[in-house]
N, C-alpha and C. Protein backbone atom coordinates (compact mmCIF):
# COMPACT_ATOMS: atom_id res chain seq x y z
N MET A 1 239.10 -27.60 141.23
CA MET A 1 239.70 -27.90 139.95
C MET A 1 238.75 -27.42 138.86
N SER A 2 239.26 -26.68 137.94
CA SER A 2 238.42 -26.20 136.85
C SER A 2 238.31 -27.28 135.77
N LEU A 3 237.28 -27.14 134.95
CA LEU A 3 237.08 -28.13 133.89
C LEU A 3 238.18 -28.08 132.85
N SER A 4 238.88 -26.96 132.77
CA SER A 4 239.93 -26.85 131.77
C SER A 4 241.20 -27.58 132.20
N MET A 5 241.30 -27.96 133.48
CA MET A 5 242.47 -28.68 133.96
C MET A 5 242.37 -30.14 133.55
N VAL A 6 243.52 -30.77 133.41
CA VAL A 6 243.55 -32.19 133.08
C VAL A 6 243.00 -32.97 134.28
N ILE A 7 242.10 -33.88 133.99
CA ILE A 7 241.52 -34.68 135.06
C ILE A 7 242.38 -35.92 135.23
N ASP A 8 242.90 -36.11 136.42
CA ASP A 8 243.79 -37.20 136.72
C ASP A 8 242.99 -38.36 137.33
N PHE A 9 242.95 -39.48 136.63
CA PHE A 9 242.18 -40.62 137.10
C PHE A 9 242.61 -41.06 138.49
N ASP A 10 243.91 -41.18 138.72
CA ASP A 10 244.39 -41.67 140.01
C ASP A 10 243.91 -40.79 141.16
N ASN A 11 243.96 -39.47 140.98
CA ASN A 11 243.49 -38.57 142.04
C ASN A 11 242.00 -38.72 142.28
N LEU A 12 241.21 -38.81 141.21
CA LEU A 12 239.77 -38.96 141.37
C LEU A 12 239.42 -40.30 142.00
N TYR A 13 240.10 -41.36 141.60
CA TYR A 13 239.83 -42.68 142.15
C TYR A 13 240.21 -42.72 143.63
N THR A 14 241.35 -42.13 143.97
CA THR A 14 241.77 -42.07 145.38
C THR A 14 240.76 -41.29 146.20
N GLU A 15 240.27 -40.18 145.65
CA GLU A 15 239.27 -39.38 146.34
C GLU A 15 237.98 -40.18 146.55
N ALA A 16 237.55 -40.90 145.52
CA ALA A 16 236.34 -41.72 145.65
C ALA A 16 236.53 -42.82 146.68
N LEU A 17 237.64 -43.53 146.61
CA LEU A 17 237.90 -44.61 147.57
C LEU A 17 237.98 -44.10 149.00
N SER A 18 238.56 -42.92 149.19
CA SER A 18 238.73 -42.39 150.54
C SER A 18 237.40 -42.03 151.19
N ALA A 19 236.35 -41.87 150.39
CA ALA A 19 235.03 -41.56 150.94
C ALA A 19 234.34 -42.80 151.50
N TRP A 20 234.79 -43.97 151.11
CA TRP A 20 234.21 -45.23 151.58
C TRP A 20 234.85 -45.62 152.90
N PRO A 21 234.11 -46.35 153.74
CA PRO A 21 234.74 -46.86 154.96
C PRO A 21 235.81 -47.88 154.59
N PRO A 22 236.86 -48.01 155.40
CA PRO A 22 237.93 -48.96 155.06
C PRO A 22 237.42 -50.40 154.95
N GLU A 23 236.40 -50.73 155.74
CA GLU A 23 235.83 -52.06 155.69
C GLU A 23 234.31 -51.93 155.68
N VAL A 24 233.67 -52.71 154.82
CA VAL A 24 232.22 -52.69 154.72
C VAL A 24 231.69 -54.02 155.26
N ARG A 25 230.81 -53.91 156.26
CA ARG A 25 230.14 -55.09 156.84
C ARG A 25 228.64 -54.85 156.74
N LEU A 26 227.98 -55.63 155.91
CA LEU A 26 226.54 -55.50 155.73
C LEU A 26 225.95 -56.90 155.61
N PRO A 27 224.66 -57.04 155.95
CA PRO A 27 224.03 -58.35 155.80
C PRO A 27 223.91 -58.76 154.32
N VAL A 28 224.14 -60.03 154.07
CA VAL A 28 224.08 -60.57 152.71
C VAL A 28 223.03 -61.68 152.67
N ARG A 29 222.16 -61.58 151.66
CA ARG A 29 221.17 -62.64 151.43
C ARG A 29 221.53 -63.34 150.13
N SER A 30 221.66 -64.65 150.22
CA SER A 30 222.03 -65.45 149.04
C SER A 30 220.79 -66.03 148.40
N PHE A 31 220.83 -66.07 147.07
CA PHE A 31 219.76 -66.64 146.27
C PHE A 31 220.38 -67.58 145.26
N VAL A 32 219.57 -68.37 144.60
CA VAL A 32 220.06 -69.28 143.58
C VAL A 32 220.76 -68.50 142.47
N THR A 33 220.24 -67.33 142.15
CA THR A 33 220.76 -66.55 141.03
C THR A 33 221.79 -65.49 141.43
N GLY A 34 222.15 -65.41 142.70
CA GLY A 34 223.12 -64.40 143.12
C GLY A 34 222.96 -64.05 144.58
N HIS A 35 223.29 -62.79 144.91
CA HIS A 35 223.19 -62.36 146.29
C HIS A 35 222.78 -60.89 146.35
N LEU A 36 222.24 -60.50 147.49
CA LEU A 36 221.81 -59.13 147.74
C LEU A 36 222.52 -58.65 149.00
N VAL A 37 223.17 -57.50 148.90
CA VAL A 37 223.85 -56.91 150.05
C VAL A 37 222.96 -55.80 150.57
N ASP A 38 222.29 -56.06 151.68
CA ASP A 38 221.36 -55.09 152.25
C ASP A 38 222.08 -53.80 152.66
N GLY A 39 221.63 -52.68 152.13
CA GLY A 39 222.17 -51.38 152.50
C GLY A 39 223.32 -50.89 151.64
N LEU A 40 223.82 -51.72 150.74
CA LEU A 40 224.98 -51.31 149.93
C LEU A 40 224.64 -50.17 148.99
N THR A 41 223.51 -50.24 148.33
CA THR A 41 223.13 -49.16 147.42
C THR A 41 222.89 -47.86 148.19
N ASP A 42 222.26 -47.95 149.37
CA ASP A 42 222.06 -46.76 150.20
C ASP A 42 223.40 -46.14 150.60
N LEU A 43 224.36 -47.00 150.98
CA LEU A 43 225.70 -46.51 151.34
C LEU A 43 226.33 -45.79 150.16
N GLU A 44 226.27 -46.41 148.99
CA GLU A 44 226.86 -45.79 147.79
C GLU A 44 226.20 -44.45 147.48
N HIS A 45 224.88 -44.38 147.58
CA HIS A 45 224.17 -43.12 147.30
C HIS A 45 224.57 -42.03 148.29
N SER A 46 224.72 -42.38 149.55
CA SER A 46 225.11 -41.37 150.54
C SER A 46 226.53 -40.89 150.31
N ILE A 47 227.40 -41.78 149.86
CA ILE A 47 228.79 -41.39 149.57
C ILE A 47 228.83 -40.53 148.31
N ALA A 48 228.17 -40.95 147.25
CA ALA A 48 228.19 -40.21 145.98
C ALA A 48 227.52 -38.85 146.09
N ALA A 49 226.59 -38.70 147.02
CA ALA A 49 225.86 -37.44 147.17
C ALA A 49 226.77 -36.26 147.51
N ARG A 50 227.92 -36.53 148.08
CA ARG A 50 228.82 -35.42 148.45
C ARG A 50 229.36 -34.67 147.22
N TRP A 51 229.26 -35.28 146.05
CA TRP A 51 229.73 -34.62 144.83
C TRP A 51 228.59 -33.99 144.02
N ALA A 52 227.39 -34.02 144.55
CA ALA A 52 226.25 -33.43 143.83
C ALA A 52 226.52 -31.95 143.56
N GLY A 53 226.36 -31.57 142.32
CA GLY A 53 226.56 -30.18 141.92
C GLY A 53 228.00 -29.80 141.66
N SER A 54 228.93 -30.70 141.88
CA SER A 54 230.34 -30.38 141.62
C SER A 54 230.64 -30.57 140.13
N PRO A 55 231.71 -29.96 139.65
CA PRO A 55 232.05 -30.10 138.23
C PRO A 55 232.34 -31.55 137.82
N HIS A 56 232.71 -32.38 138.77
CA HIS A 56 233.04 -33.78 138.46
C HIS A 56 231.98 -34.74 138.96
N GLU A 57 230.77 -34.26 139.15
CA GLU A 57 229.70 -35.09 139.69
C GLU A 57 229.52 -36.39 138.89
N VAL A 58 229.42 -36.29 137.60
CA VAL A 58 229.17 -37.47 136.77
C VAL A 58 230.31 -38.47 136.90
N LEU A 59 231.53 -38.00 136.87
CA LEU A 59 232.69 -38.88 136.99
C LEU A 59 232.74 -39.55 138.36
N MET A 60 232.50 -38.78 139.41
CA MET A 60 232.59 -39.32 140.76
C MET A 60 231.47 -40.31 141.04
N VAL A 61 230.29 -40.03 140.54
CA VAL A 61 229.18 -40.98 140.70
C VAL A 61 229.51 -42.28 139.97
N ALA A 62 230.08 -42.16 138.78
CA ALA A 62 230.46 -43.37 138.02
C ALA A 62 231.55 -44.15 138.76
N LEU A 63 232.52 -43.46 139.31
CA LEU A 63 233.57 -44.15 140.07
C LEU A 63 232.99 -44.85 141.30
N ASN A 64 232.10 -44.17 142.00
CA ASN A 64 231.50 -44.77 143.19
C ASN A 64 230.62 -45.96 142.83
N TRP A 65 229.93 -45.88 141.71
CA TRP A 65 229.12 -47.02 141.28
C TRP A 65 230.01 -48.21 140.96
N THR A 66 231.16 -47.95 140.37
CA THR A 66 232.10 -49.03 140.06
C THR A 66 232.67 -49.64 141.33
N ILE A 67 232.94 -48.80 142.32
CA ILE A 67 233.39 -49.32 143.62
C ILE A 67 232.30 -50.19 144.23
N LEU A 68 231.05 -49.72 144.16
CA LEU A 68 229.92 -50.52 144.65
C LEU A 68 229.90 -51.88 143.98
N ARG A 69 230.07 -51.92 142.68
CA ARG A 69 230.02 -53.19 141.94
C ARG A 69 231.14 -54.13 142.40
N ALA A 70 232.33 -53.58 142.64
CA ALA A 70 233.44 -54.41 143.12
C ALA A 70 233.18 -54.91 144.54
N VAL A 71 232.63 -54.05 145.39
CA VAL A 71 232.30 -54.45 146.76
C VAL A 71 231.22 -55.53 146.72
N HIS A 72 230.19 -55.32 145.91
CA HIS A 72 229.12 -56.30 145.79
C HIS A 72 229.66 -57.66 145.35
N ALA A 73 230.50 -57.65 144.35
CA ALA A 73 231.09 -58.91 143.86
C ALA A 73 231.90 -59.60 144.95
N ALA A 74 232.64 -58.83 145.74
CA ALA A 74 233.46 -59.41 146.80
C ALA A 74 232.60 -60.06 147.88
N PHE A 75 231.42 -59.52 148.13
CA PHE A 75 230.53 -60.09 149.14
C PHE A 75 230.04 -61.49 148.75
N ALA A 76 230.22 -61.90 147.54
CA ALA A 76 229.81 -63.24 147.12
C ALA A 76 230.61 -64.32 147.83
N THR A 77 231.81 -63.96 148.28
CA THR A 77 232.69 -64.97 148.89
C THR A 77 233.15 -64.63 150.30
N ARG A 78 232.65 -63.54 150.87
CA ARG A 78 233.10 -63.16 152.22
C ARG A 78 232.01 -62.40 152.97
N GLN A 79 232.20 -62.29 154.27
CA GLN A 79 231.23 -61.63 155.14
C GLN A 79 231.48 -60.13 155.27
N SER A 80 232.69 -59.70 155.02
CA SER A 80 233.01 -58.27 155.04
C SER A 80 234.02 -58.00 153.93
N VAL A 81 234.07 -56.75 153.51
CA VAL A 81 234.96 -56.38 152.40
C VAL A 81 235.88 -55.26 152.86
N VAL A 82 237.18 -55.49 152.75
CA VAL A 82 238.18 -54.48 153.04
C VAL A 82 238.54 -53.83 151.71
N LEU A 83 238.28 -52.52 151.61
CA LEU A 83 238.47 -51.86 150.32
C LEU A 83 239.90 -51.94 149.82
N ALA A 84 240.88 -51.91 150.71
CA ALA A 84 242.28 -51.98 150.30
C ALA A 84 242.61 -53.32 149.64
N GLU A 85 241.77 -54.33 149.86
CA GLU A 85 242.00 -55.66 149.28
C GLU A 85 241.30 -55.86 147.95
N LEU A 86 240.51 -54.89 147.51
CA LEU A 86 239.81 -55.02 146.24
C LEU A 86 240.81 -54.95 145.09
N PRO A 87 240.56 -55.70 144.03
CA PRO A 87 241.44 -55.59 142.86
C PRO A 87 241.31 -54.20 142.23
N SER A 88 242.38 -53.74 141.65
CA SER A 88 242.37 -52.42 141.02
C SER A 88 241.44 -52.41 139.82
N VAL A 89 240.72 -51.32 139.69
CA VAL A 89 239.84 -51.18 138.54
C VAL A 89 240.40 -50.15 137.55
N ARG A 90 241.62 -49.72 137.80
CA ARG A 90 242.21 -48.66 136.98
C ARG A 90 242.21 -49.00 135.49
N GLU A 91 242.66 -50.21 135.16
CA GLU A 91 242.77 -50.59 133.75
C GLU A 91 241.41 -50.55 133.05
N ARG A 92 240.37 -50.92 133.78
CA ARG A 92 239.03 -50.96 133.19
C ARG A 92 238.41 -49.57 133.11
N LEU A 93 238.72 -48.71 134.09
CA LEU A 93 238.03 -47.43 134.18
C LEU A 93 238.75 -46.25 133.55
N ALA A 94 240.05 -46.24 133.56
CA ALA A 94 240.79 -45.06 133.09
C ALA A 94 240.35 -44.60 131.70
N PRO A 95 240.17 -45.48 130.72
CA PRO A 95 239.72 -45.01 129.41
C PRO A 95 238.32 -44.37 129.45
N ALA A 96 237.43 -44.94 130.24
CA ALA A 96 236.07 -44.38 130.34
C ALA A 96 236.09 -43.02 131.02
N VAL A 97 236.91 -42.87 132.05
CA VAL A 97 237.02 -41.58 132.74
C VAL A 97 237.60 -40.54 131.81
N ALA A 98 238.61 -40.91 131.05
CA ALA A 98 239.20 -39.97 130.10
C ALA A 98 238.17 -39.51 129.07
N GLN A 99 237.34 -40.44 128.60
CA GLN A 99 236.32 -40.08 127.62
C GLN A 99 235.29 -39.14 128.24
N LYS A 100 234.84 -39.41 129.46
CA LYS A 100 233.87 -38.53 130.13
C LYS A 100 234.49 -37.16 130.39
N ALA A 101 235.77 -37.13 130.74
CA ALA A 101 236.44 -35.86 130.99
C ALA A 101 236.47 -35.02 129.72
N THR A 102 236.73 -35.67 128.59
CA THR A 102 236.74 -34.96 127.31
C THR A 102 235.35 -34.39 127.01
N LEU A 103 234.32 -35.18 127.28
CA LEU A 103 232.94 -34.70 127.06
C LEU A 103 232.61 -33.54 127.98
N GLU A 104 233.06 -33.60 129.25
CA GLU A 104 232.80 -32.49 130.18
C GLU A 104 233.48 -31.22 129.70
N ARG A 105 234.72 -31.34 129.23
CA ARG A 105 235.44 -30.14 128.77
C ARG A 105 234.78 -29.55 127.53
N ALA A 106 234.14 -30.38 126.72
CA ALA A 106 233.53 -29.91 125.48
C ALA A 106 232.24 -29.11 125.74
N ARG A 107 231.66 -29.31 126.92
CA ARG A 107 230.39 -28.60 127.22
C ARG A 107 230.58 -27.14 127.38
């Protein structure tokens, strides 16, 4: 996809989600102030790395970081996270993705 093409949030989000395993099972350590999911950041980095150097690298890394945040939040109440059960982040992210897309096209 060239930068001059319209960037479709739904397609990018679907592409980002499809790179994640359908279910994430990682050890969780609970603390008074929150929780730590061992290996989650490493998983996200390995997934986001596939877009390194691509025209949509910044957008895809941002989408994957947002998926990480949703997965991390879900681990607060469960032992494993099924990505299909995560709440949609479309309403929160679509405006930000559109803004980044506009900035990418302006470069």
